[in-house]
Amino acid sequence: EPSVDRPADLADQVAGVPAVGAGALLYDT
């Protein structure tokens, strides 16, 4: 389901995973 979170809280879940969208570009670290 869609969620809203701070990027830092997602780091372990999304690091290295292919990603698209303005949010991914904005927080590319």
PDB file of all heavy atoms in Angstrom:
ATOM      1  N   GLU A   1       0.844  -1.181   0.000  1.00  0.00           N
ATOM      2  CA  GLU A   1       0.000   0.000   0.000  1.00  0.00           C
ATOM      3  C   GLU A   1       0.893   1.250   0.000  1.00  0.00           C
ATOM      4  O   GLU A   1       1.990   1.223   0.556  1.00  0.00           O
ATOM      5  CB  GLU A   1      -0.907   0.020   1.233  1.00  0.00           C
ATOM      6  CG  GLU A   1      -1.982  -1.062   1.219  1.00  0.00           C
ATOM      7  CD  GLU A   1      -2.919  -0.920   0.048  1.00  0.00           C
ATOM      8  OE1 GLU A   1      -3.356   0.213  -0.250  1.00  0.00           O
ATOM      9  OE2 GLU A   1      -3.215  -1.949  -0.598  1.00  0.00           O
ATOM     10  N   PRO A   2       0.449   2.328  -0.613  1.00  0.00           N
ATOM     11  CA  PRO A   2       1.239   3.563  -0.567  1.00  0.00           C
ATOM     12  C   PRO A   2       1.446   4.027   0.868  1.00  0.00           C
ATOM     13  O   PRO A   2       0.563   3.887   1.714  1.00  0.00           O
ATOM     14  CB  PRO A   2       0.375   4.557  -1.350  1.00  0.00           C
ATOM     15  CG  PRO A   2      -0.498   3.714  -2.210  1.00  0.00           C
ATOM     16  CD  PRO A   2      -0.774   2.483  -1.422  1.00  0.00           C
ATOM     17  N   SER A   3       2.619   4.595   1.121  1.00  0.00           N
ATOM     18  CA  SER A   3       2.961   5.080   2.454  1.00  0.00           C
ATOM     19  C   SER A   3       3.627   6.443   2.338  1.00  0.00           C
ATOM     20  O   SER A   3       4.095   6.836   1.270  1.00  0.00           O
ATOM     21  CB  SER A   3       3.922   4.116   3.161  1.00  0.00           C
ATOM     22  OG  SER A   3       3.351   2.839   3.312  1.00  0.00           O
ATOM     23  N   VAL A   4       3.686   7.153   3.472  1.00  0.00           N
ATOM     24  CA  VAL A   4       4.447   8.404   3.537  1.00  0.00           C
ATOM     25  C   VAL A   4       5.457   8.273   4.670  1.00  0.00           C
ATOM     26  O   VAL A   4       5.098   7.907   5.791  1.00  0.00           O
ATOM     27  CB  VAL A   4       3.527   9.628   3.743  1.00  0.00           C
ATOM     28  CG1 VAL A   4       2.687   9.516   4.998  1.00  0.00           C
ATOM     29  CG2 VAL A   4       4.339  10.919   3.746  1.00  0.00           C
ATOM     30  N   ASP A   5       6.733   8.514   4.357  1.00  0.00           N
ATOM     31  CA  ASP A   5       7.805   8.315   5.332  1.00  0.00           C
ATOM     32  C   ASP A   5       8.945   9.283   5.058  1.00  0.00           C
ATOM     33  O   ASP A   5       9.085   9.823   3.952  1.00  0.00           O
ATOM     34  CB  ASP A   5       8.358   6.886   5.245  1.00  0.00           C
ATOM     35  CG  ASP A   5       7.382   5.842   5.746  1.00  0.00           C
ATOM     36  OD1 ASP A   5       7.144   5.781   6.966  1.00  0.00           O
ATOM     37  OD2 ASP A   5       6.839   5.085   4.907  1.00  0.00           O
ATOM     38  N   ARG A   6       9.791   9.456   6.067  1.00  0.00           N
ATOM     39  CA  ARG A   6      11.039  10.193   5.869  1.00  0.00           C
ATOM     40  C   ARG A   6      12.028   9.273   5.149  1.00  0.00           C
ATOM     41  O   ARG A   6      12.159   8.096   5.508  1.00  0.00           O
ATOM     42  CB  ARG A   6      11.607  10.635   7.212  1.00  0.00           C
ATOM     43  CG  ARG A   6      10.792  11.721   7.895  1.00  0.00           C
ATOM     44  CD  ARG A   6      11.474  12.218   9.154  1.00  0.00           C
ATOM     45  NE  ARG A   6      10.718  13.318   9.750  1.00  0.00           N
ATOM     46  CZ  ARG A   6      10.857  14.591   9.391  1.00  0.00           C
ATOM     47  NH1 ARG A   6      11.738  14.905   8.456  1.00  0.00           N
ATOM     48  NH2 ARG A   6      10.133  15.526   9.962  1.00  0.00           N
ATOM     49  N   PRO A   7      12.715   9.779   4.148  1.00  0.00           N
ATOM     50  CA  PRO A   7      13.646   8.930   3.395  1.00  0.00           C
ATOM     51  C   PRO A   7      14.653   8.201   4.280  1.00  0.00           C
ATOM     52  O   PRO A   7      14.945   7.022   4.045  1.00  0.00           O
ATOM     53  CB  PRO A   7      14.339   9.925   2.458  1.00  0.00           C
ATOM     54  CG  PRO A   7      13.328  10.997   2.268  1.00  0.00           C
ATOM     55  CD  PRO A   7      12.629  11.134   3.580  1.00  0.00           C
ATOM     56  N   ALA A   8      15.167   8.875   5.308  1.00  0.00           N
ATOM     57  CA  ALA A   8      16.169   8.237   6.164  1.00  0.00           C
ATOM     58  C   ALA A   8      15.635   6.980   6.827  1.00  0.00           C
ATOM     59  O   ALA A   8      16.388   6.034   7.085  1.00  0.00           O
ATOM     60  CB  ALA A   8      16.651   9.219   7.227  1.00  0.00           C
ATOM     61  N   ASP A   9      14.330   6.939   7.078  1.00  0.00           N
ATOM     62  CA  ASP A   9      13.725   5.770   7.716  1.00  0.00           C
ATOM     63  C   ASP A   9      13.597   4.593   6.757  1.00  0.00           C
ATOM     64  O   ASP A   9      13.285   3.478   7.183  1.00  0.00           O
ATOM     65  CB  ASP A   9      12.346   6.123   8.273  1.00  0.00           C
ATOM     66  CG  ASP A   9      12.419   7.161   9.390  1.00  0.00           C
ATOM     67  OD1 ASP A   9      13.491   7.284  10.017  1.00  0.00           O
ATOM     68  OD2 ASP A   9      11.408   7.851   9.619  1.00  0.00           O
ATOM     69  N   LEU A  10      13.810   4.860   5.452  1.00  0.00           N
ATOM     70  CA  LEU A  10      13.647   3.817   4.437  1.00  0.00           C
ATOM     71  C   LEU A  10      14.984   3.284   3.923  1.00  0.00           C
ATOM     72  O   LEU A  10      14.997   2.386   3.090  1.00  0.00           O
ATOM     73  CB  LEU A  10      12.866   4.372   3.238  1.00  0.00           C
ATOM     74  CG  LEU A  10      11.511   4.998   3.523  1.00  0.00           C
ATOM     75  CD1 LEU A  10      10.947   5.606   2.244  1.00  0.00           C
ATOM     76  CD2 LEU A  10      10.554   3.963   4.088  1.00  0.00           C
ATOM     77  N   ALA A  11      16.070   3.842   4.406  1.00  0.00           N
ATOM     78  CA  ALA A  11      17.372   3.564   3.808  1.00  0.00           C
ATOM     79  C   ALA A  11      17.670   2.075   3.680  1.00  0.00           C
ATOM     80  O   ALA A  11      18.123   1.607   2.629  1.00  0.00           O
ATOM     81  CB  ALA A  11      18.473   4.254   4.618  1.00  0.00           C
ATOM     82  N   ASP A  12      17.418   1.308   4.729  1.00  0.00           N
ATOM     83  CA  ASP A  12      17.722  -0.120   4.690  1.00  0.00           C
ATOM     84  C   ASP A  12      16.826  -0.871   3.718  1.00  0.00           C
ATOM     85  O   ASP A  12      17.222  -1.915   3.188  1.00  0.00           O
ATOM     86  CB  ASP A  12      17.573  -0.731   6.089  1.00  0.00           C
ATOM     87  CG  ASP A  12      18.630  -0.227   7.061  1.00  0.00           C
ATOM     88  OD1 ASP A  12      19.662   0.294   6.584  1.00  0.00           O
ATOM     89  OD2 ASP A  12      18.425  -0.342   8.284  1.00  0.00           O
ATOM     90  N   GLN A  13      15.625  -0.341   3.453  1.00  0.00           N
ATOM     91  CA  GLN A  13      14.667  -1.035   2.592  1.00  0.00           C
ATOM     92  C   GLN A  13      14.874  -0.753   1.108  1.00  0.00           C
ATOM     93  O   GLN A  13      14.572  -1.597   0.266  1.00  0.00           O
ATOM     94  CB  GLN A  13      13.235  -0.630   2.960  1.00  0.00           C
ATOM     95  CG  GLN A  13      12.838  -0.927   4.389  1.00  0.00           C
ATOM     96  CD  GLN A  13      11.422  -0.488   4.661  1.00  0.00           C
ATOM     97  OE1 GLN A  13      10.474  -0.953   4.024  1.00  0.00           O
ATOM     98  NE2 GLN A  13      11.247   0.426   5.610  1.00  0.00           N
ATOM     99  N   VAL A  14      15.386   0.454   0.788  1.00  0.00           N
ATOM    100  CA  VAL A  14      15.423   0.858  -0.620  1.00  0.00           C
ATOM    101  C   VAL A  14      16.833   1.010  -1.187  1.00  0.00           C
ATOM    102  O   VAL A  14      16.985   1.232  -2.391  1.00  0.00           O
ATOM    103  CB  VAL A  14      14.643   2.174  -0.817  1.00  0.00           C
ATOM    104  CG1 VAL A  14      13.210   2.037  -0.345  1.00  0.00           C
ATOM    105  CG2 VAL A  14      15.337   3.340  -0.106  1.00  0.00           C
ATOM    106  N   ALA A  15      17.851   0.901  -0.369  1.00  0.00           N
ATOM    107  CA  ALA A  15      19.220   1.069  -0.868  1.00  0.00           C
ATOM    108  C   ALA A  15      19.512   0.062  -1.974  1.00  0.00           C
ATOM    109  O   ALA A  15      19.350  -1.144  -1.792  1.00  0.00           O
ATOM    110  CB  ALA A  15      20.224   0.911   0.270  1.00  0.00           C
ATOM    111  N   GLY A  16      19.911   0.562  -3.112  1.00  0.00           N
ATOM    112  CA  GLY A  16      20.270  -0.302  -4.233  1.00  0.00           C
ATOM    113  C   GLY A  16      19.106  -0.842  -5.031  1.00  0.00           C
ATOM    114  O   GLY A  16      19.305  -1.433  -6.098  1.00  0.00           O
ATOM    115  N   VAL A  17      17.882  -0.641  -4.557  1.00  0.00           N
ATOM    116  CA  VAL A  17      16.696  -1.118  -5.273  1.00  0.00           C
ATOM    117  C   VAL A  17      16.376  -0.144  -6.402  1.00  0.00           C
ATOM    118  O   VAL A  17      16.386   1.074  -6.185  1.00  0.00           O
ATOM    119  CB  VAL A  17      15.490  -1.228  -4.315  1.00  0.00           C
ATOM    120  CG1 VAL A  17      14.244  -1.673  -5.072  1.00  0.00           C
ATOM    121  CG2 VAL A  17      15.802  -2.178  -3.176  1.00  0.00           C
ATOM    122  N   PRO A  18      16.097  -0.602  -7.610  1.00  0.00           N
ATOM    123  CA  PRO A  18      15.701   0.317  -8.673  1.00  0.00           C
ATOM    124  C   PRO A  18      14.549   1.199  -8.211  1.00  0.00           C
ATOM    125  O   PRO A  18      13.621   0.726  -7.554  1.00  0.00           O
ATOM    126  CB  PRO A  18      15.281  -0.610  -9.816  1.00  0.00           C
ATOM    127  CG  PRO A  18      16.070  -1.859  -9.575  1.00  0.00           C
ATOM    128  CD  PRO A  18      16.146  -2.001  -8.084  1.00  0.00           C
ATOM    129  N   ALA A  19      14.614   2.486  -8.541  1.00  0.00           N
ATOM    130  CA  ALA A  19      13.604   3.430  -8.080  1.00  0.00           C
ATOM    131  C   ALA A  19      13.354   4.486  -9.144  1.00  0.00           C
ATOM    132  O   ALA A  19      14.273   4.869  -9.875  1.00  0.00           O
ATOM    133  CB  ALA A  19      14.046   4.094  -6.776  1.00  0.00           C
ATOM    134  N   VAL A  20      12.100   4.949  -9.224  1.00  0.00           N
ATOM    135  CA  VAL A  20      11.740   6.025 -10.141  1.00  0.00           C
ATOM    136  C   VAL A  20      10.884   7.039  -9.398  1.00  0.00           C
ATOM    137  O   VAL A  20      10.311   6.746  -8.348  1.00  0.00           O
ATOM    138  CB  VAL A  20      10.982   5.498 -11.381  1.00  0.00           C
ATOM    139  CG1 VAL A  20      11.833   4.524 -12.171  1.00  0.00           C
ATOM    140  CG2 VAL A  20       9.663   4.848 -10.975  1.00  0.00           C
ATOM    141  N   GLY A  21      10.795   8.242  -9.974  1.00  0.00           N
ATOM    142  CA  GLY A  21       9.956   9.278  -9.399  1.00  0.00           C
ATOM    143  C   GLY A  21      10.760  10.422  -8.816  1.00  0.00           C
ATOM    144  O   GLY A  21      11.943  10.281  -8.483  1.00  0.00           O
ATOM    145  N   ALA A  22      10.104  11.579  -8.678  1.00  0.00           N
ATOM    146  CA  ALA A  22      10.772  12.784  -8.194  1.00  0.00           C
ATOM    147  C   ALA A  22      11.314  12.616  -6.784  1.00  0.00           C
ATOM    148  O   ALA A  22      12.342  13.189  -6.435  1.00  0.00           O
ATOM    149  CB  ALA A  22       9.804  13.972  -8.247  1.00  0.00           C
ATOM    150  N   GLY A  23      10.637  11.839  -5.944  1.00  0.00           N
ATOM    151  CA  GLY A  23      11.112  11.616  -4.584  1.00  0.00           C
ATOM    152  C   GLY A  23      12.420  10.852  -4.558  1.00  0.00           C
ATOM    153  O   GLY A  23      13.326  11.161  -3.764  1.00  0.00           O
ATOM    154  N   ALA A  24      12.532   9.860  -5.423  1.00  0.00           N
ATOM    155  CA  ALA A  24      13.772   9.083  -5.503  1.00  0.00           C
ATOM    156  C   ALA A  24      14.920   9.941  -6.029  1.00  0.00           C
ATOM    157  O   ALA A  24      16.056   9.844  -5.559  1.00  0.00           O
ATOM    158  CB  ALA A  24      13.567   7.857  -6.387  1.00  0.00           C
ATOM    159  N   LEU A  25      14.629  10.807  -6.993  1.00  0.00           N
ATOM    160  CA  LEU A  25      15.649  11.695  -7.533  1.00  0.00           C
ATOM    161  C   LEU A  25      16.092  12.726  -6.494  1.00  0.00           C
ATOM    162  O   LEU A  25      17.273  13.052  -6.393  1.00  0.00           O
ATOM    163  CB  LEU A  25      15.122  12.414  -8.770  1.00  0.00           C
ATOM    164  CG  LEU A  25      14.973  11.553 -10.027  1.00  0.00           C
ATOM    165  CD1 LEU A  25      14.101  12.268 -11.049  1.00  0.00           C
ATOM    166  CD2 LEU A  25      16.338  11.241 -10.621  1.00  0.00           C
ATOM    167  N   LEU A  26      15.137  13.217  -5.718  1.00  0.00           N
ATOM    168  CA  LEU A  26      15.435  14.238  -4.717  1.00  0.00           C
ATOM    169  C   LEU A  26      16.299  13.687  -3.592  1.00  0.00           C
ATOM    170  O   LEU A  26      17.169  14.382  -3.070  1.00  0.00           O
ATOM    171  CB  LEU A  26      14.122  14.789  -4.161  1.00  0.00           C
ATOM    172  CG  LEU A  26      14.214  15.943  -3.157  1.00  0.00           C
ATOM    173  CD1 LEU A  26      14.886  17.158  -3.783  1.00  0.00           C
ATOM    174  CD2 LEU A  26      12.815  16.310  -2.659  1.00  0.00           C
ATOM    175  N   TYR A  27      16.071  12.422  -3.225  1.00  0.00           N
ATOM    176  CA  TYR A  27      16.806  11.804  -2.121  1.00  0.00           C
ATOM    177  C   TYR A  27      17.644  10.635  -2.643  1.00  0.00           C
ATOM    178  O   TYR A  27      17.529   9.505  -2.176  1.00  0.00           O
ATOM    179  CB  TYR A  27      15.825  11.338  -1.043  1.00  0.00           C
ATOM    180  CG  TYR A  27      15.031  12.479  -0.443  1.00  0.00           C
ATOM    181  CD1 TYR A  27      13.703  12.701  -0.822  1.00  0.00           C
ATOM    182  CD2 TYR A  27      15.602  13.354   0.475  1.00  0.00           C
ATOM    183  CE1 TYR A  27      12.968  13.753  -0.281  1.00  0.00           C
ATOM    184  CE2 TYR A  27      14.879  14.408   1.018  1.00  0.00           C
ATOM    185  CZ  TYR A  27      13.564  14.600   0.630  1.00  0.00           C
ATOM    186  OH  TYR A  27      12.844  15.653   1.163  1.00  0.00           O
ATOM    187  N   ASP A  28      18.493  10.935  -3.622  1.00  0.00           N
ATOM    188  CA  ASP A  28      19.253   9.868  -4.269  1.00  0.00           C
ATOM    189  C   ASP A  28      20.365   9.300  -3.399  1.00  0.00           C
ATOM    190  O   ASP A  28      20.971   8.283  -3.752  1.00  0.00           O
ATOM    191  CB  ASP A  28      19.805  10.330  -5.612  1.00  0.00           C
ATOM    192  CG  ASP A  28      20.715  11.551  -5.504  1.00  0.00           C
ATOM    193  OD1 ASP A  28      20.938  12.046  -4.372  1.00  0.00           O
ATOM    194  OD2 ASP A  28      21.215  12.012  -6.547  1.00  0.00           O
ATOM    195  N   THR A  29      20.659   9.926  -2.249  1.00  0.00           N
ATOM    196  CA  THR A  29      21.618   9.312  -1.334  1.00  0.00           C
ATOM    197  C   THR A  29      20.964   8.183  -0.546  1.00  0.00           C
ATOM    198  O   THR A  29      21.660   7.350   0.042  1.00  0.00           O
ATOM    199  CB  THR A  29      22.176  10.352  -0.344  1.00  0.00           C
ATOM    200  OG1 THR A  29      21.091  10.944   0.381  1.00  0.00           O
ATOM    201  CG2 THR A  29      22.955  11.430  -1.083  1.00  0.00           C
TER     202      THR A  29
END
